[in-house]
PDB file of N, CA and C in Angstrom:
ATOM      1  N   MET A   1     247.138  61.392  18.319  1.00  0.00           N
ATOM      2  CA  MET A   1     246.806  60.296  19.211  1.00  0.00           C
ATOM      3  C   MET A   1     246.813  58.996  18.411  1.00  0.00           C
ATOM      4  N   ASN A   2     247.316  57.971  18.998  1.00  0.00           N
ATOM      5  CA  ASN A   2     247.379  56.657  18.382  1.00  0.00           C
ATOM      6  C   ASN A   2     246.021  55.974  18.562  1.00  0.00           C
ATOM      7  N   SER A   3     245.263  55.828  17.479  1.00  0.00           N
ATOM      8  CA  SER A   3     243.905  55.285  17.591  1.00  0.00           C
ATOM      9  C   SER A   3     243.896  53.827  18.050  1.00  0.00           C
ATOM     10  N   THR A   4     244.891  53.051  17.661  1.00  0.00           N
ATOM     11  CA  THR A   4     244.953  51.662  18.122  1.00  0.00           C
ATOM     12  C   THR A   4     245.103  51.611  19.637  1.00  0.00           C
ATOM     13  N   ALA A   5     245.978  52.460  20.163  1.00  0.00           N
ATOM     14  CA  ALA A   5     246.183  52.512  21.618  1.00  0.00           C
ATOM     15  C   ALA A   5     244.896  52.902  22.331  1.00  0.00           C
ATOM     16  N   VAL A   6     244.178  53.855  21.793  1.00  0.00           N
ATOM     17  CA  VAL A   6     242.918  54.295  22.403  1.00  0.00           C
ATOM     18  C   VAL A   6     241.916  53.149  22.426  1.00  0.00           C
ATOM     19  N   ILE A   7     241.806  52.426  21.333  1.00  0.00           N
ATOM     20  CA  ILE A   7     240.878  51.295  21.260  1.00  0.00           C
ATOM     21  C   ILE A   7     241.268  50.220  22.274  1.00  0.00           C
ATOM     22  N   VAL A   8     242.545  49.895  22.337  1.00  0.00           N
ATOM     23  CA  VAL A   8     243.008  48.835  23.231  1.00  0.00           C
ATOM     24  C   VAL A   8     242.833  49.236  24.697  1.00  0.00           C
ATOM     25  N   ILE A   9     243.128  50.497  25.027  1.00  0.00           N
ATOM     26  CA  ILE A   9     242.942  50.973  26.404  1.00  0.00           C
ATOM     27  C   ILE A   9     241.456  50.931  26.774  1.00  0.00           C
ATOM     28  N   ASN A  10     240.591  51.286  25.841  1.00  0.00           N
ATOM     29  CA  ASN A  10     239.153  51.224  26.110  1.00  0.00           C
ATOM     30  C   ASN A  10     238.671  49.776  26.246  1.00  0.00           C
ATOM     31  N   LEU A  11     239.273  48.861  25.497  1.00  0.00           N
ATOM     32  CA  LEU A  11     238.963  47.441  25.687  1.00  0.00           C
ATOM     33  C   LEU A  11     239.383  46.992  27.090  1.00  0.00           C
ATOM     34  N   ALA A  12     240.512  47.514  27.566  1.00  0.00           N
ATOM     35  CA  ALA A  12     240.944  47.199  28.936  1.00  0.00           C
ATOM     36  C   ALA A  12     239.884  47.637  29.937  1.00  0.00           C
ATOM     37  N   LEU A  13     239.360  48.848  29.758  1.00  0.00           N
ATOM     38  CA  LEU A  13     238.302  49.342  30.648  1.00  0.00           C
ATOM     39  C   LEU A  13     237.080  48.423  30.590  1.00  0.00           C
ATOM     40  N   ILE A  14     236.685  48.035  29.400  1.00  0.00           N
ATOM     41  CA  ILE A  14     235.506  47.181  29.240  1.00  0.00           C
ATOM     42  C   ILE A  14     235.736  45.817  29.899  1.00  0.00           C
ATOM     43  N   PHE A  15     236.841  45.154  29.553  1.00  0.00           N
ATOM     44  CA  PHE A  15     237.116  43.827  30.114  1.00  0.00           C
ATOM     45  C   PHE A  15     237.240  43.874  31.633  1.00  0.00           C
ATOM     46  N   TYR A  16     238.030  44.828  32.123  1.00  0.00           N
ATOM     47  CA  TYR A  16     238.280  44.895  33.558  1.00  0.00           C
ATOM     48  C   TYR A  16     237.000  45.227  34.320  1.00  0.00           C
ATOM     49  N   SER A  17     236.214  46.149  33.783  1.00  0.00           N
ATOM     50  CA  SER A  17     234.953  46.535  34.435  1.00  0.00           C
ATOM     51  C   SER A  17     233.968  45.373  34.462  1.00  0.00           C
ATOM     52  N   ILE A  18     233.871  44.633  33.368  1.00  0.00           N
ATOM     53  CA  ILE A  18     232.982  43.469  33.344  1.00  0.00           C
ATOM     54  C   ILE A  18     233.408  42.469  34.417  1.00  0.00           C
ATOM     55  N   GLY A  19     234.701  42.182  34.488  1.00  0.00           N
ATOM     56  CA  GLY A  19     235.187  41.236  35.492  1.00  0.00           C
ATOM     57  C   GLY A  19     234.926  41.706  36.908  1.00  0.00           C
ATOM     58  N   VAL A  20     235.285  42.954  37.200  1.00  0.00           N
ATOM     59  CA  VAL A  20     235.163  43.483  38.564  1.00  0.00           C
ATOM     60  C   VAL A  20     233.703  43.609  38.984  1.00  0.00           C
ATOM     61  N   TRP A  21     232.885  44.228  38.147  1.00  0.00           N
ATOM     62  CA  TRP A  21     231.503  44.487  38.565  1.00  0.00           C
ATOM     63  C   TRP A  21     230.637  43.236  38.514  1.00  0.00           C
ATOM     64  N   SER A  22     230.915  42.312  37.618  1.00  0.00           N
ATOM     65  CA  SER A  22     230.185  41.043  37.621  1.00  0.00           C
ATOM     66  C   SER A  22     230.493  40.261  38.886  1.00  0.00           C
ATOM     67  N   GLU A  23     231.765  40.268  39.265  1.00  0.00           N
ATOM     68  CA  GLU A  23     232.149  39.596  40.500  1.00  0.00           C
ATOM     69  C   GLU A  23     231.458  40.246  41.695  1.00  0.00           C
ATOM     70  N   ARG A  24     231.431  41.568  41.710  1.00  0.00           N
ATOM     71  CA  ARG A  24     230.805  42.313  42.822  1.00  0.00           C
ATOM     72  C   ARG A  24     229.304  42.000  42.901  1.00  0.00           C
ATOM     73  N   ILE A  25     228.636  42.046  41.769  1.00  0.00           N
ATOM     74  CA  ILE A  25     227.184  41.805  41.730  1.00  0.00           C
ATOM     75  C   ILE A  25     226.862  40.358  42.106  1.00  0.00           C
ATOM     76  N   GLN A  26     227.661  39.406  41.634  1.00  0.00           N
ATOM     77  CA  GLN A  26     227.412  37.992  41.922  1.00  0.00           C
ATOM     78  C   GLN A  26     227.865  37.601  43.323  1.00  0.00           C
ATOM     79  N   GLY A  27     228.699  38.435  43.934  1.00  0.00           N
ATOM     80  CA  GLY A  27     229.079  38.205  45.321  1.00  0.00           C
ATOM     81  C   GLY A  27     230.114  37.120  45.564  1.00  0.00           C
ATOM     82  N   ARG A  28     230.724  36.639  44.497  1.00  0.00           N
ATOM     83  CA  ARG A  28     231.772  35.633  44.662  1.00  0.00           C
ATOM     84  C   ARG A  28     232.614  35.587  43.392  1.00  0.00           C
ATOM     85  N   LEU A  29     233.870  35.294  43.570  1.00  0.00           N
ATOM     86  CA  LEU A  29     234.808  35.196  42.457  1.00  0.00           C
ATOM     87  C   LEU A  29     234.559  33.905  41.678  1.00  0.00           C
ATOM     88  N   LYS A  30     234.505  34.031  40.362  1.00  0.00           N
ATOM     89  CA  LYS A  30     234.352  32.868  39.482  1.00  0.00           C
ATOM     90  C   LYS A  30     235.476  32.884  38.459  1.00  0.00           C
ATOM     91  N   ALA A  31     235.723  31.748  37.856  1.00  0.00           N
ATOM     92  CA  ALA A  31     236.825  31.628  36.898  1.00  0.00           C
ATOM     93  C   ALA A  31     236.688  32.623  35.738  1.00  0.00           C
ATOM     94  N   TRP A  32     235.472  32.815  35.248  1.00  0.00           N
ATOM     95  CA  TRP A  32     235.327  33.702  34.103  1.00  0.00           C
ATOM     96  C   TRP A  32     235.623  35.154  34.479  1.00  0.00           C
ATOM     97  N   HIS A  33     235.422  35.528  35.745  1.00  0.00           N
ATOM     98  CA  HIS A  33     235.819  36.874  36.185  1.00  0.00           C
ATOM     99  C   HIS A  33     237.327  37.032  36.040  1.00  0.00           C
ATOM    100  N   THR A  34     238.035  36.000  36.468  1.00  0.00           N
ATOM    101  CA  THR A  34     239.499  36.036  36.406  1.00  0.00           C
ATOM    102  C   THR A  34     239.980  36.143  34.959  1.00  0.00           C
ATOM    103  N   VAL A  35     239.302  35.478  34.048  1.00  0.00           N
ATOM    104  CA  VAL A  35     239.649  35.595  32.622  1.00  0.00           C
ATOM    105  C   VAL A  35     239.514  37.051  32.177  1.00  0.00           C
ATOM    106  N   PHE A  36     238.459  37.723  32.605  1.00  0.00           N
ATOM    107  CA  PHE A  36     238.276  39.126  32.249  1.00  0.00           C
ATOM    108  C   PHE A  36     239.326  40.014  32.915  1.00  0.00           C
ATOM    109  N   PHE A  37     239.761  39.676  34.144  1.00  0.00           N
ATOM    110  CA  PHE A  37     240.855  40.429  34.775  1.00  0.00           C
ATOM    111  C   PHE A  37     242.114  40.328  33.916  1.00  0.00           C
ATOM    112  N   TRP A  38     242.421  39.109  33.459  1.00  0.00           N
ATOM    113  CA  TRP A  38     243.613  38.899  32.631  1.00  0.00           C
ATOM    114  C   TRP A  38     243.488  39.622  31.287  1.00  0.00           C
ATOM    115  N   PHE A  39     242.317  39.557  30.657  1.00  0.00           N
ATOM    116  CA  PHE A  39     242.120  40.293  29.394  1.00  0.00           C
ATOM    117  C   PHE A  39     242.312  41.790  29.608  1.00  0.00           C
ATOM    118  N   GLY A  40     241.753  42.313  30.697  1.00  0.00           N
ATOM    119  CA  GLY A  40     241.927  43.732  31.008  1.00  0.00           C
ATOM    120  C   GLY A  40     243.382  44.093  31.199  1.00  0.00           C
ATOM    121  N   LEU A  41     244.120  43.261  31.919  1.00  0.00           N
ATOM    122  CA  LEU A  41     245.538  43.498  32.141  1.00  0.00           C
ATOM    123  C   LEU A  41     246.319  43.474  30.825  1.00  0.00           C
ATOM    124  N   VAL A  42     246.058  42.467  30.001  1.00  0.00           N
ATOM    125  CA  VAL A  42     246.764  42.358  28.717  1.00  0.00           C
ATOM    126  C   VAL A  42     246.484  43.589  27.854  1.00  0.00           C
ATOM    127  N   CYS A  43     245.232  43.989  27.759  1.00  0.00           N
ATOM    128  CA  CYS A  43     244.888  45.160  26.948  1.00  0.00           C
ATOM    129  C   CYS A  43     245.493  46.440  27.518  1.00  0.00           C
ATOM    130  N   ASP A  44     245.478  46.583  28.832  1.00  0.00           N
ATOM    131  CA  ASP A  44     246.043  47.791  29.444  1.00  0.00           C
ATOM    132  C   ASP A  44     247.553  47.854  29.219  1.00  0.00           C
ATOM    133  N   THR A  45     248.232  46.739  29.387  1.00  0.00           N
ATOM    134  CA  THR A  45     249.677  46.705  29.181  1.00  0.00           C
ATOM    135  C   THR A  45     250.023  46.956  27.714  1.00  0.00           C
ATOM    136  N   TRP A  46     249.283  46.336  26.830  1.00  0.00           N
ATOM    137  CA  TRP A  46     249.489  46.514  25.388  1.00  0.00           C
ATOM    138  C   TRP A  46     249.227  47.973  24.993  1.00  0.00           C
ATOM    139  N   GLY A  47     248.100  48.512  25.433  1.00  0.00           N
ATOM    140  CA  GLY A  47     247.770  49.906  25.115  1.00  0.00           C
ATOM    141  C   GLY A  47     248.773  50.884  25.690  1.00  0.00           C
ATOM    142  N   THR A  48     249.246  50.614  26.900  1.00  0.00           N
ATOM    143  CA  THR A  48     250.255  51.479  27.508  1.00  0.00           C
ATOM    144  C   THR A  48     251.551  51.429  26.707  1.00  0.00           C
ATOM    145  N   GLY A  49     251.935  50.243  26.265  1.00  0.00           N
ATOM    146  CA  GLY A  49     253.122  50.118  25.418  1.00  0.00           C
ATOM    147  C   GLY A  49     252.985  50.899  24.124  1.00  0.00           C
ATOM    148  N   LEU A  50     251.809  50.840  23.508  1.00  0.00           N
ATOM    149  CA  LEU A  50     251.561  51.614  22.290  1.00  0.00           C
ATOM    150  C   LEU A  50     251.641  53.113  22.568  1.00  0.00           C
ATOM    151  N   MET A  51     251.097  53.531  23.700  1.00  0.00           N
ATOM    152  CA  MET A  51     251.167  54.948  24.076  1.00  0.00           C
ATOM    153  C   MET A  51     252.615  55.380  24.325  1.00  0.00           C
ATOM    154  N   PHE A  52     253.387  54.530  25.003  1.00  0.00           N
ATOM    155  CA  PHE A  52     254.803  54.838  25.234  1.00  0.00           C
ATOM    156  C   PHE A  52     255.515  55.060  23.902  1.00  0.00           C
ATOM    157  N   ASP A  53     255.277  54.163  22.937  1.00  0.00           N
ATOM    158  CA  ASP A  53     255.894  54.307  21.623  1.00  0.00           C
ATOM    159  C   ASP A  53     255.472  55.610  20.955  1.00  0.00           C
ATOM    160  N   PHE A  54     254.213  55.960  21.095  1.00  0.00           N
ATOM    161  CA  PHE A  54     253.676  57.152  20.441  1.00  0.00           C
ATOM    162  C   PHE A  54     254.255  58.443  21.025  1.00  0.00           C
ATOM    163  N   VAL A  55     254.370  58.503  22.361  1.00  0.00           N
ATOM    164  CA  VAL A  55     254.827  59.745  23.005  1.00  0.00           C
ATOM    165  C   VAL A  55     256.316  59.724  23.364  1.00  0.00           C
ATOM    166  N   GLY A  56     256.990  58.613  23.138  1.00  0.00           N
ATOM    167  CA  GLY A  56     258.420  58.559  23.386  1.00  0.00           C
ATOM    168  C   GLY A  56     258.817  58.153  24.793  1.00  0.00           C
ATOM    169  N   GLY A  57     257.961  57.483  25.523  1.00  0.00           N
ATOM    170  CA  GLY A  57     258.313  56.990  26.854  1.00  0.00           C
ATOM    171  C   GLY A  57     257.312  57.390  27.906  1.00  0.00           C
ATOM    172  N   MET A  58     257.692  57.097  29.138  1.00  0.00           N
ATOM    173  CA  MET A  58     256.802  57.362  30.266  1.00  0.00           C
ATOM    174  C   MET A  58     256.837  58.834  30.654  1.00  0.00           C
ATOM    175  N   SER A  59     255.690  59.334  31.080  1.00  0.00           N
ATOM    176  CA  SER A  59     255.634  60.686  31.642  1.00  0.00           C
ATOM    177  C   SER A  59     255.780  60.558  33.157  1.00  0.00           C
ATOM    178  N   TYR A  60     256.624  61.395  33.727  1.00  0.00           N
ATOM    179  CA  TYR A  60     256.883  61.330  35.170  1.00  0.00           C
ATOM    180  C   TYR A  60     255.993  62.332  35.887  1.00  0.00           C
ATOM    181  N   ASP A  61     254.706  61.992  35.903  1.00  0.00           N
ATOM    182  CA  ASP A  61     253.695  62.829  36.537  1.00  0.00           C
ATOM    183  C   ASP A  61     252.643  61.912  37.153  1.00  0.00           C
ATOM    184  N   VAL A  62     251.531  62.496  37.590  1.00  0.00           N
ATOM    185  CA  VAL A  62     250.467  61.705  38.213  1.00  0.00           C
ATOM    186  C   VAL A  62     250.006  60.584  37.282  1.00  0.00           C
ATOM    187  N   HIS A  63     249.829  60.914  36.014  1.00  0.00           N
ATOM    188  CA  HIS A  63     249.364  59.917  35.053  1.00  0.00           C
ATOM    189  C   HIS A  63     250.365  58.768  34.915  1.00  0.00           C
ATOM    190  N   GLY A  64     251.627  59.093  34.753  1.00  0.00           N
ATOM    191  CA  GLY A  64     252.648  58.070  34.560  1.00  0.00           C
ATOM    192  C   GLY A  64     252.812  57.166  35.766  1.00  0.00           C
ATOM    193  N   PHE A  65     252.937  57.781  36.937  1.00  0.00           N
ATOM    194  CA  PHE A  65     253.138  56.979  38.152  1.00  0.00           C
ATOM    195  C   PHE A  65     251.897  56.169  38.518  1.00  0.00           C
ATOM    196  N   SER A  66     250.719  56.779  38.388  1.00  0.00           N
ATOM    197  CA  SER A  66     249.500  56.027  38.710  1.00  0.00           C
ATOM    198  C   SER A  66     249.259  54.921  37.685  1.00  0.00           C
ATOM    199  N   GLY A  67     249.695  55.144  36.442  1.00  0.00           N
ATOM    200  CA  GLY A  67     249.564  54.114  35.420  1.00  0.00           C
ATOM    201  C   GLY A  67     250.409  52.893  35.716  1.00  0.00           C
ATOM    202  N   VAL A  68     251.652  53.134  36.141  1.00  0.00           N
ATOM    203  CA  VAL A  68     252.521  52.021  36.508  1.00  0.00           C
ATOM    204  C   VAL A  68     251.947  51.294  37.725  1.00  0.00           C
ATOM    205  N   LEU A  69     251.506  52.062  38.723  1.00  0.00           N
ATOM    206  CA  LEU A  69     250.899  51.467  39.911  1.00  0.00           C
ATOM    207  C   LEU A  69     249.680  50.628  39.534  1.00  0.00           C
ATOM    208  N   ALA A  70     248.856  51.151  38.632  1.00  0.00           N
ATOM    209  CA  ALA A  70     247.644  50.435  38.228  1.00  0.00           C
ATOM    210  C   ALA A  70     247.982  49.114  37.541  1.00  0.00           C
ATOM    211  N   ILE A  71     248.967  49.121  36.651  1.00  0.00           N
ATOM    212  CA  ILE A  71     249.334  47.882  35.963  1.00  0.00           C
ATOM    213  C   ILE A  71     249.892  46.866  36.960  1.00  0.00           C
ATOM    214  N   VAL A  72     250.718  47.325  37.878  1.00  0.00           N
ATOM    215  CA  VAL A  72     251.254  46.420  38.901  1.00  0.00           C
ATOM    216  C   VAL A  72     250.112  45.839  39.738  1.00  0.00           C
ATOM    217  N   LEU A  73     249.183  46.698  40.167  1.00  0.00           N
ATOM    218  CA  LEU A  73     248.048  46.214  40.966  1.00  0.00           C
ATOM    219  C   LEU A  73     247.154  45.271  40.177  1.00  0.00           C
ATOM    220  N   MET A  74     246.933  45.563  38.892  1.00  0.00           N
ATOM    221  CA  MET A  74     246.139  44.662  38.060  1.00  0.00           C
ATOM    222  C   MET A  74     246.813  43.296  37.946  1.00  0.00           C
ATOM    223  N   PHE A  75     248.131  43.305  37.821  1.00  0.00           N
ATOM    224  CA  PHE A  75     248.872  42.042  37.745  1.00  0.00           C
ATOM    225  C   PHE A  75     248.736  41.264  39.050  1.00  0.00           C
ATOM    226  N   VAL A  76     248.955  41.949  40.177  1.00  0.00           N
ATOM    227  CA  VAL A  76     248.799  41.303  41.487  1.00  0.00           C
ATOM    228  C   VAL A  76     247.372  40.789  41.655  1.00  0.00           C
ATOM    229  N   HIS A  77     246.400  41.598  41.226  1.00  0.00           N
ATOM    230  CA  HIS A  77     244.990  41.236  41.319  1.00  0.00           C
ATOM    231  C   HIS A  77     244.689  39.962  40.530  1.00  0.00           C
ATOM    232  N   ALA A  78     245.160  39.895  39.288  1.00  0.00           N
ATOM    233  CA  ALA A  78     244.905  38.721  38.450  1.00  0.00           C
ATOM    234  C   ALA A  78     245.595  37.475  39.018  1.00  0.00           C
ATOM    235  N   ILE A  79     246.825  37.638  39.477  1.00  0.00           N
ATOM    236  CA  ILE A  79     247.550  36.508  40.087  1.00  0.00           C
ATOM    237  C   ILE A  79     246.821  36.041  41.351  1.00  0.00           C
ATOM    238  N   TRP A  80     246.428  37.015  42.181  1.00  0.00           N
ATOM    239  CA  TRP A  80     245.753  36.678  43.436  1.00  0.00           C
ATOM    240  C   TRP A  80     244.410  35.988  43.161  1.00  0.00           C
ATOM    241  N   ALA A  81     243.671  36.465  42.169  1.00  0.00           N
ATOM    242  CA  ALA A  81     242.391  35.829  41.817  1.00  0.00           C
ATOM    243  C   ALA A  81     242.619  34.384  41.376  1.00  0.00           C
ATOM    244  N   THR A  82     243.636  34.176  40.577  1.00  0.00           N
ATOM    245  CA  THR A  82     243.968  32.827  40.120  1.00  0.00           C
ATOM    246  C   THR A  82     244.317  31.934  41.312  1.00  0.00           C
ATOM    247  N   PHE A  83     245.103  32.476  42.244  1.00  0.00           N
ATOM    248  CA  PHE A  83     245.494  31.742  43.452  1.00  0.00           C
ATOM    249  C   PHE A  83     244.279  31.409  44.317  1.00  0.00           C
ATOM    250  N   VAL A  84     243.415  32.395  44.528  1.00  0.00           N
ATOM    251  CA  VAL A  84     242.222  32.195  45.363  1.00  0.00           C
ATOM    252  C   VAL A  84     241.342  31.090  44.783  1.00  0.00           C
ATOM    253  N   LEU A  85     241.139  31.119  43.476  1.00  0.00           N
ATOM    254  CA  LEU A  85     240.328  30.078  42.846  1.00  0.00           C
ATOM    255  C   LEU A  85     240.982  28.704  42.978  1.00  0.00           C
ATOM    256  N   ALA A  86     242.294  28.660  42.841  1.00  0.00           N
ATOM    257  CA  ALA A  86     243.003  27.385  42.955  1.00  0.00           C
ATOM    258  C   ALA A  86     242.918  26.828  44.380  1.00  0.00           C
ATOM    259  N   GLN A  87     242.901  27.715  45.371  1.00  0.00           N
ATOM    260  CA  GLN A  87     242.819  27.296  46.772  1.00  0.00           C
ATOM    261  C   GLN A  87     241.428  26.799  47.158  1.00  0.00           C
ATOM    262  N   LYS A  88     240.408  27.270  46.434  1.00  0.00           N
ATOM    263  CA  LYS A  88     239.007  26.886  46.686  1.00  0.00           C
ATOM    264  C   LYS A  88     238.552  27.216  48.113  1.00  0.00           C
ATOM    265  N   ASN A  89     239.082  28.317  48.631  1.00  0.00           N
ATOM    266  CA  ASN A  89     238.713  28.781  49.969  1.00  0.00           C
ATOM    267  C   ASN A  89     237.466  29.655  49.831  1.00  0.00           C
ATOM    268  N   GLU A  90     236.344  29.177  50.320  1.00  0.00           N
ATOM    269  CA  GLU A  90     235.056  29.868  50.132  1.00  0.00           C
ATOM    270  C   GLU A  90     235.056  31.281  50.722  1.00  0.00           C
ATOM    271  N   LYS A  91     235.678  31.466  51.873  1.00  0.00           N
ATOM    272  CA  LYS A  91     235.715  32.798  52.478  1.00  0.00           C
ATOM    273  C   LYS A  91     236.478  33.774  51.585  1.00  0.00           C
ATOM    274  N   MET A  92     237.621  33.350  51.062  1.00  0.00           N
ATOM    275  CA  MET A  92     238.407  34.209  50.175  1.00  0.00           C
ATOM    276  C   MET A  92     237.656  34.470  48.870  1.00  0.00           C
ATOM    277  N   ILE A  93     236.990  33.455  48.359  1.00  0.00           N
ATOM    278  CA  ILE A  93     236.218  33.602  47.115  1.00  0.00           C
ATOM    279  C   ILE A  93     235.085  34.607  47.307  1.00  0.00           C
ATOM    280  N   SER A  94     234.433  34.564  48.457  1.00  0.00           N
ATOM    281  CA  SER A  94     233.299  35.453  48.734  1.00  0.00           C
ATOM    282  C   SER A  94     233.731  36.890  49.032  1.00  0.00           C
ATOM    283  N   ASN A  95     234.916  37.075  49.572  1.00  0.00           N
ATOM    284  CA  ASN A  95     235.375  38.417  49.951  1.00  0.00           C
ATOM    285  C   ASN A  95     236.306  39.069  48.940  1.00  0.00           C
ATOM    286  N   PHE A  96     236.606  38.376  47.869  1.00  0.00           N
ATOM    287  CA  PHE A  96     237.595  38.874  46.914  1.00  0.00           C
ATOM    288  C   PHE A  96     237.192  40.206  46.291  1.00  0.00           C
ATOM    289  N   HIS A  97     235.890  40.444  46.132  1.00  0.00           N
ATOM    290  CA  HIS A  97     235.419  41.653  45.450  1.00  0.00           C
ATOM    291  C   HIS A  97     235.909  42.936  46.121  1.00  0.00           C
ATOM    292  N   ARG A  98     236.209  42.897  47.410  1.00  0.00           N
ATOM    293  CA  ARG A  98     236.700  44.104  48.098  1.00  0.00           C
ATOM    294  C   ARG A  98     238.021  44.565  47.491  1.00  0.00           C
ATOM    295  N   PHE A  99     238.894  43.624  47.230  1.00  0.00           N
ATOM    296  CA  PHE A  99     240.179  43.939  46.603  1.00  0.00           C
ATOM    297  C   PHE A  99     239.956  44.396  45.166  1.00  0.00           C
ATOM    298  N   SER A 100     239.057  43.739  44.465  1.00  0.00           N
ATOM    299  CA  SER A 100     238.785  44.070  43.062  1.00  0.00           C
ATOM    300  C   SER A 100     238.318  45.507  42.900  1.00  0.00           C
ATOM    301  N   ILE A 101     237.387  45.929  43.725  1.00  0.00           N
ATOM    302  CA  ILE A 101     236.843  47.290  43.626  1.00  0.00           C
ATOM    303  C   ILE A 101     237.942  48.313  43.892  1.00  0.00           C
ATOM    304  N   ALA A 102     238.787  48.063  44.880  1.00  0.00           N
ATOM    305  CA  ALA A 102     239.874  49.000  45.201  1.00  0.00           C
ATOM    306  C   ALA A 102     240.832  49.138  44.020  1.00  0.00           C
ATOM    307  N   VAL A 103     241.218  48.027  43.420  1.00  0.00           N
ATOM    308  CA  VAL A 103     242.133  48.077  42.273  1.00  0.00           C
ATOM    309  C   VAL A 103     241.465  48.783  41.096  1.00  0.00           C
ATOM    310  N   TRP A 104     240.195  48.506  40.869  1.00  0.00           N
ATOM    311  CA  TRP A 104     239.467  49.140  39.761  1.00  0.00           C
ATOM    312  C   TRP A 104     239.444  50.656  39.933  1.00  0.00           C
ATOM    313  N   PHE A 105     239.155  51.148  41.135  1.00  0.00           N
ATOM    314  CA  PHE A 105     239.138  52.596  41.365  1.00  0.00           C
ATOM    315  C   PHE A 105     240.515  53.209  41.159  1.00  0.00           C
ATOM    316  N   ILE A 106     241.556  52.539  41.610  1.00  0.00           N
ATOM    317  CA  ILE A 106     242.915  53.051  41.384  1.00  0.00           C
ATOM    318  C   ILE A 106     243.225  53.074  39.893  1.00  0.00           C
ATOM    319  N   TRP A 107     242.766  52.061  39.156  1.00  0.00           N
ATOM    320  CA  TRP A 107     242.994  51.999  37.714  1.00  0.00           C
ATOM    321  C   TRP A 107     242.334  53.177  36.998  1.00  0.00           C
ATOM    322  N   LEU A 108     241.232  53.666  37.526  1.00  0.00           N
ATOM    323  CA  LEU A 108     240.542  54.788  36.882  1.00  0.00           C
ATOM    324  C   LEU A 108     241.352  56.087  36.911  1.00  0.00           C
ATOM    325  N   ILE A 109     242.280  56.229  37.855  1.00  0.00           N
ATOM    326  CA  ILE A 109     243.085  57.456  37.935  1.00  0.00           C
ATOM    327  C   ILE A 109     243.881  57.665  36.645  1.00  0.00           C
ATOM    328  N   PRO A 110     244.703  56.693  36.210  1.00  0.00           N
ATOM    329  CA  PRO A 110     245.418  56.936  34.949  1.00  0.00           C
ATOM    330  C   PRO A 110     244.504  56.905  33.724  1.00  0.00           C
ATOM    331  N   TYR A 111     243.358  56.271  33.832  1.00  0.00           N
ATOM    332  CA  TYR A 111     242.435  56.256  32.696  1.00  0.00           C
ATOM    333  C   TYR A 111     241.857  57.660  32.458  1.00  0.00           C
ATOM    334  N   PHE A 112     241.417  58.306  33.535  1.00  0.00           N
ATOM    335  CA  PHE A 112     240.763  59.609  33.381  1.00  0.00           C
ATOM    336  C   PHE A 112     241.694  60.812  33.523  1.00  0.00           C
ATOM    337  N   SER A 113     242.868  60.646  34.106  1.00  0.00           N
ATOM    338  CA  SER A 113     243.714  61.815  34.373  1.00  0.00           C
ATOM    339  C   SER A 113     244.097  62.621  33.127  1.00  0.00           C
ATOM    340  N   PRO A 114     244.401  62.015  31.974  1.00  0.00           N
ATOM    341  CA  PRO A 114     244.710  62.867  30.811  1.00  0.00           C
ATOM    342  C   PRO A 114     243.548  63.773  30.420  1.00  0.00           C
ATOM    343  N   MET A 115     242.334  63.254  30.494  1.00  0.00           N
ATOM    344  CA  MET A 115     241.156  64.053  30.155  1.00  0.00           C
ATOM    345  C   MET A 115     240.990  65.202  31.151  1.00  0.00           C
ATOM    346  N   VAL A 116     241.136  64.907  32.428  1.00  0.00           N
ATOM    347  CA  VAL A 116     240.984  65.932  33.468  1.00  0.00           C
ATOM    348  C   VAL A 116     242.044  67.010  33.294  1.00  0.00           C
ATOM    349  N   PHE A 117     243.301  66.603  33.082  1.00  0.00           N
ATOM    350  CA  PHE A 117     244.381  67.578  32.920  1.00  0.00           C
ATOM    351  C   PHE A 117     244.171  68.447  31.685  1.00  0.00           C
ATOM    352  N   ARG A 118     243.689  67.873  30.603  1.00  0.00           N
ATOM    353  CA  ARG A 118     243.407  68.651  29.378  1.00  0.00           C
ATOM    354  C   ARG A 118     242.266  69.649  29.614  1.00  0.00           C
ATOM    355  N   MET A 119     241.242  69.229  30.353  1.00  0.00           N
ATOM    356  CA  MET A 119     240.140  70.136  30.637  1.00  0.00           C
ATOM    357  C   MET A 119     240.601  71.297  31.516  1.00  0.00           C
ATOM    358  N   LEU A 120     241.436  70.999  32.497  1.00  0.00           N
ATOM    359  CA  LEU A 120     241.973  72.062  33.351  1.00  0.00           C
ATOM    360  C   LEU A 120     242.861  73.011  32.563  1.00  0.00           C
ATOM    361  N   GLU A 121     243.642  72.466  31.653  1.00  0.00           N
ATOM    362  CA  GLU A 121     244.499  73.274  30.795  1.00  0.00           C
ATOM    363  C   GLU A 121     243.670  74.179  29.892  1.00  0.00           C
ATOM    364  N   ALA A 122     242.609  73.643  29.336  1.00  0.00           N
ATOM    365  CA  ALA A 122     241.740  74.405  28.440  1.00  0.00           C
ATOM    366  C   ALA A 122     240.986  75.505  29.182  1.00  0.00           C
ATOM    367  N   ALA A 123     240.737  75.295  30.458  1.00  0.00           N
ATOM    368  CA  ALA A 123     239.978  76.270  31.251  1.00  0.00           C
ATOM    369  C   ALA A 123     240.816  77.485  31.633  1.00  0.00           C
ATOM    370  N   LYS A 124     242.117  77.404  31.474  1.00  0.00           N
ATOM    371  CA  LYS A 124     242.986  78.534  31.866  1.00  0.00           C
ATOM    372  C   LYS A 124     242.851  79.700  30.937  1.00  0.00           C
TER     373      LYS A 124
END
């Protein structure tokens, strides 16, 4: 396992979780939440690239497809958050957390799926 990739992917979890859950708890999107969304995206993309190099490319399974979906959604999420803040629409700012939580839960699928698959494999 590539230890740098593991560290960077875990930083993605930390940054993204701080952004998403702080926004949820505070009940409105703020600029610093968006910064954490972008940090999470950068770390996830960087860590995924390191993993690709380590294993020789993408795996065409639940982990691989959900990982690509998660990165795309994180990108859309960060862009949309930036747009919402620029628009200064209070209703959108107050309701943004609904989208954030959905993307965060989808992101957890590729984060946890390797562990789940290994545990199932070991149980056989």
